């Protein structure tokens, strides 16, 4: 997914919660940014498993 598209998704999604059902590599033109983006909400972070890491951290906080 292009970085421009992920930014638009983020703006449109707002602050709603998201389960991040699918992640895709993020690109700026032809170059990979190193981030993976949720195709639903546009949130981006480093690594293809970042959504699982966040879920584990949230469970440990309870």
PDB file of N, CA and C in Angstrom:
ATOM      1  N   UNK A   1       0.854  -1.173   0.000  1.00  0.00           N
ATOM      2  CA  UNK A   1       0.000   0.000   0.000  1.00  0.00           C
ATOM      3  C   UNK A   1       0.901   1.238   0.000  1.00  0.00           C
ATOM      4  N   UNK A   2       0.515   2.201  -0.759  1.00  0.00           N
ATOM      5  CA  UNK A   2       1.261   3.450  -0.815  1.00  0.00           C
ATOM      6  C   UNK A   2       1.038   4.271   0.460  1.00  0.00           C
ATOM      7  N   UNK A   3       2.082   4.967   0.912  1.00  0.00           N
ATOM      8  CA  UNK A   3       2.003   5.778   2.129  1.00  0.00           C
ATOM      9  C   UNK A   3       0.888   6.816   2.025  1.00  0.00           C
ATOM     10  N   UNK A   4       0.698   7.381   0.859  1.00  0.00           N
ATOM     11  CA  UNK A   4      -0.362   8.378   0.667  1.00  0.00           C
ATOM     12  C   UNK A   4      -1.733   7.760   0.950  1.00  0.00           C
ATOM     13  N   UNK A   5      -1.946   6.536   0.498  1.00  0.00           N
ATOM     14  CA  UNK A   5      -3.215   5.844   0.725  1.00  0.00           C
ATOM     15  C   UNK A   5      -3.414   5.539   2.203  1.00  0.00           C
ATOM     16  N   UNK A   6      -2.353   5.098   2.880  1.00  0.00           N
ATOM     17  CA  UNK A   6      -2.483   4.800   4.315  1.00  0.00           C
ATOM     18  C   UNK A   6      -2.779   6.066   5.113  1.00  0.00           C
ATOM     19  N   UNK A   7      -2.196   7.182   4.719  1.00  0.00           N
ATOM     20  CA  UNK A   7      -2.492   8.453   5.393  1.00  0.00           C
ATOM     21  C   UNK A   7      -3.957   8.837   5.220  1.00  0.00           C
ATOM     22  N   UNK A   8      -4.489   8.648   4.016  1.00  0.00           N
ATOM     23  CA  UNK A   8      -5.902   8.949   3.763  1.00  0.00           C
ATOM     24  C   UNK A   8      -6.814   8.037   4.589  1.00  0.00           C
ATOM     25  N   UNK A   9      -6.463   6.746   4.665  1.00  0.00           N
ATOM     26  CA  UNK A   9      -7.239   5.803   5.485  1.00  0.00           C
ATOM     27  C   UNK A   9      -7.268   6.249   6.943  1.00  0.00           C
ATOM     28  N   UNK A  10      -6.085   6.626   7.477  1.00  0.00           N
ATOM     29  CA  UNK A  10      -5.978   7.071   8.875  1.00  0.00           C
ATOM     30  C   UNK A  10      -6.865   8.272   9.143  1.00  0.00           C
ATOM     31  N   UNK A  11      -6.838   9.240   8.233  1.00  0.00           N
ATOM     32  CA  UNK A  11      -7.656  10.445   8.405  1.00  0.00           C
ATOM     33  C   UNK A  11      -9.143  10.111   8.381  1.00  0.00           C
ATOM     34  N   UNK A  12      -9.543   9.245   7.461  1.00  0.00           N
ATOM     35  CA  UNK A  12     -10.952   8.868   7.348  1.00  0.00           C
ATOM     36  C   UNK A  12     -11.416   7.985   8.501  1.00  0.00           C
ATOM     37  N   UNK A  13     -10.543   7.147   9.025  1.00  0.00           N
ATOM     38  CA  UNK A  13     -10.906   6.214  10.095  1.00  0.00           C
ATOM     39  C   UNK A  13     -11.097   6.946  11.421  1.00  0.00           C
ATOM     40  N   UNK A  14     -10.253   7.917  11.694  1.00  0.00           N
ATOM     41  CA  UNK A  14     -10.354   8.660  12.956  1.00  0.00           C
ATOM     42  C   UNK A  14      -9.863   7.849  14.140  1.00  0.00           C
ATOM     43  N   UNK A  15     -10.536   8.005  15.286  1.00  0.00           N
ATOM     44  CA  UNK A  15     -10.110   7.365  16.535  1.00  0.00           C
ATOM     45  C   UNK A  15     -10.879   6.094  16.861  1.00  0.00           C
ATOM     46  N   UNK A  16     -11.603   5.552  15.907  1.00  0.00           N
ATOM     47  CA  UNK A  16     -12.371   4.331  16.161  1.00  0.00           C
ATOM     48  C   UNK A  16     -11.418   3.169  16.436  1.00  0.00           C
ATOM     49  N   UNK A  17     -11.832   2.220  17.268  1.00  0.00           N
ATOM     50  CA  UNK A  17     -10.987   1.041  17.499  1.00  0.00           C
ATOM     51  C   UNK A  17     -10.913   0.174  16.240  1.00  0.00           C
ATOM     52  N   UNK A  18      -9.827  -0.564  16.105  1.00  0.00           N
ATOM     53  CA  UNK A  18      -9.639  -1.432  14.948  1.00  0.00           C
ATOM     54  C   UNK A  18      -8.898  -2.688  15.391  1.00  0.00           C
ATOM     55  N   UNK A  19      -9.308  -3.827  14.887  1.00  0.00           N
ATOM     56  CA  UNK A  19      -8.656  -5.106  15.179  1.00  0.00           C
ATOM     57  C   UNK A  19      -7.497  -5.390  14.223  1.00  0.00           C
ATOM     58  N   UNK A  20      -7.262  -4.533  13.248  1.00  0.00           N
ATOM     59  CA  UNK A  20      -6.194  -4.684  12.256  1.00  0.00           C
ATOM     60  C   UNK A  20      -6.241  -6.071  11.606  1.00  0.00           C
ATOM     61  N   UNK A  21      -7.330  -6.357  10.868  1.00  0.00           N
ATOM     62  CA  UNK A  21      -7.512  -7.697  10.312  1.00  0.00           C
ATOM     63  C   UNK A  21      -6.492  -8.095   9.244  1.00  0.00           C
ATOM     64  N   UNK A  22      -5.916  -7.112   8.531  1.00  0.00           N
ATOM     65  CA  UNK A  22      -4.953  -7.444   7.479  1.00  0.00           C
ATOM     66  C   UNK A  22      -3.897  -6.351   7.389  1.00  0.00           C
ATOM     67  N   UNK A  23      -2.632  -6.764   7.338  1.00  0.00           N
ATOM     68  CA  UNK A  23      -1.525  -5.826   7.204  1.00  0.00           C
ATOM     69  C   UNK A  23      -0.864  -5.999   5.842  1.00  0.00           C
ATOM     70  N   UNK A  24      -0.429  -4.881   5.277  1.00  0.00           N
ATOM     71  CA  UNK A  24       0.312  -4.886   4.016  1.00  0.00           C
ATOM     72  C   UNK A  24       1.553  -4.026   4.169  1.00  0.00           C
ATOM     73  N   UNK A  25       2.592  -4.337   3.381  1.00  0.00           N
ATOM     74  CA  UNK A  25       3.794  -3.513   3.376  1.00  0.00           C
ATOM     75  C   UNK A  25       3.448  -2.117   2.872  1.00  0.00           C
ATOM     76  N   UNK A  26       4.101  -1.128   3.467  1.00  0.00           N
ATOM     77  CA  UNK A  26       3.891   0.256   3.043  1.00  0.00           C
ATOM     78  C   UNK A  26       5.039   0.685   2.130  1.00  0.00           C
ATOM     79  N   UNK A  27       4.687   1.399   1.079  1.00  0.00           N
ATOM     80  CA  UNK A  27       5.662   1.893   0.111  1.00  0.00           C
ATOM     81  C   UNK A  27       5.492   3.388  -0.079  1.00  0.00           C
ATOM     82  N   UNK A  28       6.623   4.055  -0.312  1.00  0.00           N
ATOM     83  CA  UNK A  28       6.601   5.451  -0.741  1.00  0.00           C
ATOM     84  C   UNK A  28       7.141   5.443  -2.163  1.00  0.00           C
ATOM     85  N   UNK A  29       6.252   5.544  -3.098  1.00  0.00           N
ATOM     86  CA  UNK A  29       6.526   5.330  -4.525  1.00  0.00           C
ATOM     87  C   UNK A  29       6.972   3.881  -4.701  1.00  0.00           C
ATOM     88  N   UNK A  30       8.223   3.626  -5.068  1.00  0.00           N
ATOM     89  CA  UNK A  30       8.671   2.244  -5.277  1.00  0.00           C
ATOM     90  C   UNK A  30       9.484   1.693  -4.111  1.00  0.00           C
ATOM     91  N   UNK A  31       9.763   2.510  -3.119  1.00  0.00           N
ATOM     92  CA  UNK A  31      10.620   2.088  -2.011  1.00  0.00           C
ATOM     93  C   UNK A  31       9.793   1.691  -0.787  1.00  0.00           C
ATOM     94  N   UNK A  32      10.154   0.567  -0.197  1.00  0.00           N
ATOM     95  CA  UNK A  32       9.496   0.125   1.030  1.00  0.00           C
ATOM     96  C   UNK A  32       9.878   1.055   2.177  1.00  0.00           C
ATOM     97  N   UNK A  33       8.897   1.417   3.004  1.00  0.00           N
ATOM     98  CA  UNK A  33       9.178   2.261   4.168  1.00  0.00           C
ATOM     99  C   UNK A  33       9.661   1.429   5.347  1.00  0.00           C
ATOM    100  N   UNK A  34       9.479   0.102   5.281  1.00  0.00           N
ATOM    101  CA  UNK A  34       9.817  -0.775   6.397  1.00  0.00           C
ATOM    102  C   UNK A  34       8.642  -0.990   7.328  1.00  0.00           C
ATOM    103  N   UNK A  35       7.572  -0.233   7.125  1.00  0.00           N
ATOM    104  CA  UNK A  35       6.377  -0.360   7.961  1.00  0.00           C
ATOM    105  C   UNK A  35       5.356  -1.276   7.302  1.00  0.00           C
ATOM    106  N   UNK A  36       4.447  -1.772   8.134  1.00  0.00           N
ATOM    107  CA  UNK A  36       3.280  -2.507   7.660  1.00  0.00           C
ATOM    108  C   UNK A  36       2.051  -1.716   8.072  1.00  0.00           C
ATOM    109  N   UNK A  37       1.046  -1.701   7.207  1.00  0.00           N
ATOM    110  CA  UNK A  37      -0.130  -0.858   7.381  1.00  0.00           C
ATOM    111  C   UNK A  37      -1.378  -1.715   7.472  1.00  0.00           C
ATOM    112  N   UNK A  38      -2.275  -1.346   8.394  1.00  0.00           N
ATOM    113  CA  UNK A  38      -3.581  -1.983   8.464  1.00  0.00           C
ATOM    114  C   UNK A  38      -4.399  -1.491   7.278  1.00  0.00           C
ATOM    115  N   UNK A  39      -4.957  -2.433   6.514  1.00  0.00           N
ATOM    116  CA  UNK A  39      -5.728  -2.057   5.328  1.00  0.00           C
ATOM    117  C   UNK A  39      -7.097  -1.492   5.675  1.00  0.00           C
ATOM    118  N   UNK A  40      -7.497  -1.616   6.933  1.00  0.00           N
ATOM    119  CA  UNK A  40      -8.807  -1.110   7.347  1.00  0.00           C
ATOM    120  C   UNK A  40      -8.723   0.312   7.899  1.00  0.00           C
ATOM    121  N   UNK A  41      -7.777   0.554   8.820  1.00  0.00           N
ATOM    122  CA  UNK A  41      -7.727   1.865   9.483  1.00  0.00           C
ATOM    123  C   UNK A  41      -6.535   2.725   9.071  1.00  0.00           C
ATOM    124  N   UNK A  42      -5.529   2.113   8.420  1.00  0.00           N
ATOM    125  CA  UNK A  42      -4.375   2.869   7.961  1.00  0.00           C
ATOM    126  C   UNK A  42      -3.260   3.024   8.972  1.00  0.00           C
ATOM    127  N   UNK A  43      -3.417   2.464  10.176  1.00  0.00           N
ATOM    128  CA  UNK A  43      -2.350   2.568  11.172  1.00  0.00           C
ATOM    129  C   UNK A  43      -1.123   1.826  10.663  1.00  0.00           C
ATOM    130  N   UNK A  44       0.054   2.418  10.867  1.00  0.00           N
ATOM    131  CA  UNK A  44       1.297   1.823  10.391  1.00  0.00           C
ATOM    132  C   UNK A  44       2.277   1.674  11.540  1.00  0.00           C
ATOM    133  N   UNK A  45       3.084   0.616  11.470  1.00  0.00           N
ATOM    134  CA  UNK A  45       4.133   0.394  12.452  1.00  0.00           C
ATOM    135  C   UNK A  45       5.173  -0.532  11.838  1.00  0.00           C
ATOM    136  N   UNK A  46       6.312  -0.630  12.507  1.00  0.00           N
ATOM    137  CA  UNK A  46       7.400  -1.435  11.990  1.00  0.00           C
ATOM    138  C   UNK A  46       7.142  -2.917  12.239  1.00  0.00           C
ATOM    139  N   UNK A  47       7.426  -3.734  11.243  1.00  0.00           N
ATOM    140  CA  UNK A  47       7.348  -5.184  11.378  1.00  0.00           C
ATOM    141  C   UNK A  47       5.992  -5.741  11.014  1.00  0.00           C
ATOM    142  N   UNK A  48       5.997  -6.954  10.456  1.00  0.00           N
ATOM    143  CA  UNK A  48       4.750  -7.537   9.974  1.00  0.00           C
ATOM    144  C   UNK A  48       3.869  -8.096  11.074  1.00  0.00           C
ATOM    145  N   UNK A  49       4.362  -8.170  12.308  1.00  0.00           N
ATOM    146  CA  UNK A  49       3.569  -8.709  13.417  1.00  0.00           C
ATOM    147  C   UNK A  49       3.252  -7.670  14.479  1.00  0.00           C
ATOM    148  N   UNK A  50       3.353  -6.386  14.150  1.00  0.00           N
ATOM    149  CA  UNK A  50       3.150  -5.355  15.170  1.00  0.00           C
ATOM    150  C   UNK A  50       1.770  -5.401  15.785  1.00  0.00           C
ATOM    151  N   UNK A  51       0.753  -5.795  15.052  1.00  0.00           N
ATOM    152  CA  UNK A  51      -0.593  -5.844  15.629  1.00  0.00           C
ATOM    153  C   UNK A  51      -0.685  -6.917  16.703  1.00  0.00           C
ATOM    154  N   UNK A  52      -0.001  -8.042  16.536  1.00  0.00           N
ATOM    155  CA  UNK A  52       0.009  -9.092  17.555  1.00  0.00           C
ATOM    156  C   UNK A  52       0.771  -8.650  18.795  1.00  0.00           C
ATOM    157  N   UNK A  53       1.846  -7.909  18.611  1.00  0.00           N
ATOM    158  CA  UNK A  53       2.620  -7.395  19.740  1.00  0.00           C
ATOM    159  C   UNK A  53       1.768  -6.456  20.577  1.00  0.00           C
ATOM    160  N   UNK A  54       1.017  -5.571  19.929  1.00  0.00           N
ATOM    161  CA  UNK A  54       0.151  -4.636  20.648  1.00  0.00           C
ATOM    162  C   UNK A  54      -0.934  -5.373  21.414  1.00  0.00           C
ATOM    163  N   UNK A  55      -1.501  -6.419  20.832  1.00  0.00           N
ATOM    164  CA  UNK A  55      -2.553  -7.184  21.503  1.00  0.00           C
ATOM    165  C   UNK A  55      -2.010  -7.876  22.744  1.00  0.00           C
ATOM    166  N   UNK A  56      -0.785  -8.428  22.674  1.00  0.00           N
ATOM    167  CA  UNK A  56      -0.168  -9.083  23.830  1.00  0.00           C
ATOM    168  C   UNK A  56       0.092  -8.076  24.940  1.00  0.00           C
ATOM    169  N   UNK A  57       0.587  -6.891  24.585  1.00  0.00           N
ATOM    170  CA  UNK A  57       0.864  -5.856  25.584  1.00  0.00           C
ATOM    171  C   UNK A  57      -0.415  -5.423  26.280  1.00  0.00           C
ATOM    172  N   UNK A  58      -1.501  -5.293  25.533  1.00  0.00           N
ATOM    173  CA  UNK A  58      -2.780  -4.887  26.120  1.00  0.00           C
ATOM    174  C   UNK A  58      -3.309  -5.941  27.077  1.00  0.00           C
ATOM    175  N   UNK A  59      -3.137  -7.222  26.764  1.00  0.00           N
ATOM    176  CA  UNK A  59      -3.589  -8.290  27.651  1.00  0.00           C
ATOM    177  C   UNK A  59      -2.793  -8.282  28.951  1.00  0.00           C
ATOM    178  N   UNK A  60      -1.487  -8.024  28.861  1.00  0.00           N
ATOM    179  CA  UNK A  60      -0.636  -8.001  30.050  1.00  0.00           C
ATOM    180  C   UNK A  60      -0.934  -6.813  30.945  1.00  0.00           C
ATOM    181  N   UNK A  61      -1.504  -5.755  30.401  1.00  0.00           N
ATOM    182  CA  UNK A  61      -1.803  -4.549  31.181  1.00  0.00           C
ATOM    183  C   UNK A  61      -3.028  -4.732  32.063  1.00  0.00           C
ATOM    184  N   UNK A  62      -3.868  -5.721  31.765  1.00  0.00           N
ATOM    185  CA  UNK A  62      -5.104  -5.935  32.535  1.00  0.00           C
ATOM    186  C   UNK A  62      -4.867  -6.546  33.885  1.00  0.00           C
TER     187      UNK A  62
END
